[in-house]
Amino acid sequence: MEGSEGSPESERSAITAFMNAHPLSPQEARLVRASLRELSNEEIADELGCSPSTVRTYWSRIFQKIGCSERHHVLARIANFLAVRIRSGSS
């Protein structure tokens, strides 16, 4: 069922809402989405068409914007945001 609790559409919607709630650039949002697929910085760089150094720069900016200091903290915040939205029935 489209958009049902725990469905891929619901997860995408929650992730999009998280991205919209934080001032991430389109490239930073793409980087976070790629990280959710457990890609390495090198794989993300290939996907975004940039260098691994640029990916590290994007991570630094994301950390500042979201108030985290490590990649897994950003991903944990997204997971928590998703869990709250699912529990509350938002999508």
Protein backbone atom coordinates (compact mmCIF):
# COMPACT_ATOMS: atom_id res chain seq x y z
CA MET A 1 0.00 0.00 0.00
CA GLU A 2 1.45 3.34 -1.07
CA GLY A 3 2.37 5.68 1.74
CA SER A 4 1.44 3.18 4.44
CA GLU A 5 3.36 3.06 7.70
CA GLY A 6 6.88 1.74 7.12
CA SER A 7 6.50 1.66 3.33
CA PRO A 8 9.29 2.92 1.07
CA GLU A 9 7.07 5.89 0.10
CA SER A 10 6.53 6.73 3.77
CA GLU A 11 10.26 6.52 4.44
CA ARG A 12 11.08 8.70 1.43
CA SER A 13 8.47 11.21 2.53
CA ALA A 14 9.92 11.35 6.05
CA ILE A 15 13.47 11.69 4.74
CA THR A 16 12.34 14.50 2.41
CA ALA A 17 10.62 16.21 5.35
CA PHE A 18 13.82 15.93 7.39
CA MET A 19 15.83 17.44 4.54
CA ASN A 20 13.31 20.26 4.18
CA ALA A 21 13.48 20.96 7.93
CA HIS A 22 17.24 21.51 7.68
CA PRO A 23 18.94 23.98 5.31
CA LEU A 24 20.73 21.38 3.20
CA SER A 25 21.77 22.19 -0.35
CA PRO A 26 20.61 19.80 -3.07
CA GLN A 27 24.11 18.24 -3.23
CA GLU A 28 24.22 17.82 0.56
CA ALA A 29 20.80 16.16 0.46
CA ARG A 30 21.99 13.80 -2.29
CA LEU A 31 25.04 12.97 -0.17
CA VAL A 32 22.89 12.13 2.85
CA ARG A 33 20.58 9.98 0.72
CA ALA A 34 23.61 8.13 -0.66
CA SER A 35 24.89 7.61 2.88
CA LEU A 36 21.57 6.03 3.81
CA ARG A 37 22.43 3.42 1.17
CA GLU A 38 25.71 2.86 3.09
CA LEU A 39 27.96 4.16 0.30
CA SER A 40 31.52 5.14 1.16
CA ASN A 41 32.81 8.67 0.60
CA GLU A 42 34.58 7.42 -2.53
CA GLU A 43 31.39 5.83 -3.87
CA ILE A 44 29.43 8.99 -3.05
CA ALA A 45 32.05 11.08 -4.86
CA ASP A 46 31.67 8.89 -7.96
CA GLU A 47 27.88 9.19 -7.79
CA LEU A 48 27.94 12.98 -7.30
CA GLY A 49 30.70 13.52 -9.84
CA CYS A 50 33.10 15.15 -7.41
CA SER A 51 36.22 14.26 -5.42
CA PRO A 52 36.27 12.49 -2.03
CA SER A 53 37.70 15.74 -0.63
CA THR A 54 34.56 17.58 -1.77
CA VAL A 55 32.42 14.91 -0.10
CA ARG A 56 34.31 15.53 3.17
CA THR A 57 33.68 19.27 2.76
CA TYR A 58 29.96 18.60 2.28
CA TRP A 59 29.98 16.46 5.43
CA SER A 60 31.58 19.30 7.40
CA ARG A 61 28.84 21.66 6.24
CA ILE A 62 26.12 19.13 7.04
CA PHE A 63 27.55 18.61 10.54
CA GLN A 64 27.42 22.37 11.16
CA LYS A 65 23.88 22.73 9.82
CA ILE A 66 22.43 19.77 11.71
CA GLY A 67 24.50 20.21 14.84
CA CYS A 68 26.30 16.87 14.70
CA SER A 69 29.96 15.98 14.61
CA GLU A 70 29.90 12.56 12.95
CA ARG A 71 28.21 10.88 10.02
CA HIS A 72 26.47 8.23 12.11
CA HIS A 73 24.94 10.99 14.28
CA VAL A 74 23.35 12.56 11.20
CA LEU A 75 21.98 9.19 10.11
CA ALA A 76 20.71 8.50 13.65
CA ARG A 77 18.87 11.83 13.65
CA ILE A 78 17.21 10.91 10.37
CA ALA A 79 16.24 7.50 11.79
CA ASN A 80 14.77 9.16 14.90
CA PHE A 81 12.89 11.69 12.76
CA LEU A 82 11.52 8.83 10.66
CA ALA A 83 10.46 6.84 13.74
CA VAL A 84 8.63 9.82 15.25
CA ARG A 85 6.80 10.52 11.98
CA ILE A 86 5.77 6.88 11.65
CA ARG A 87 4.57 6.71 15.27
CA SER A 88 2.59 9.92 14.86
CA GLY A 89 1.08 8.75 11.58
CA SER A 90 2.61 11.61 9.57
CA SER A 91 4.00 10.98 6.11
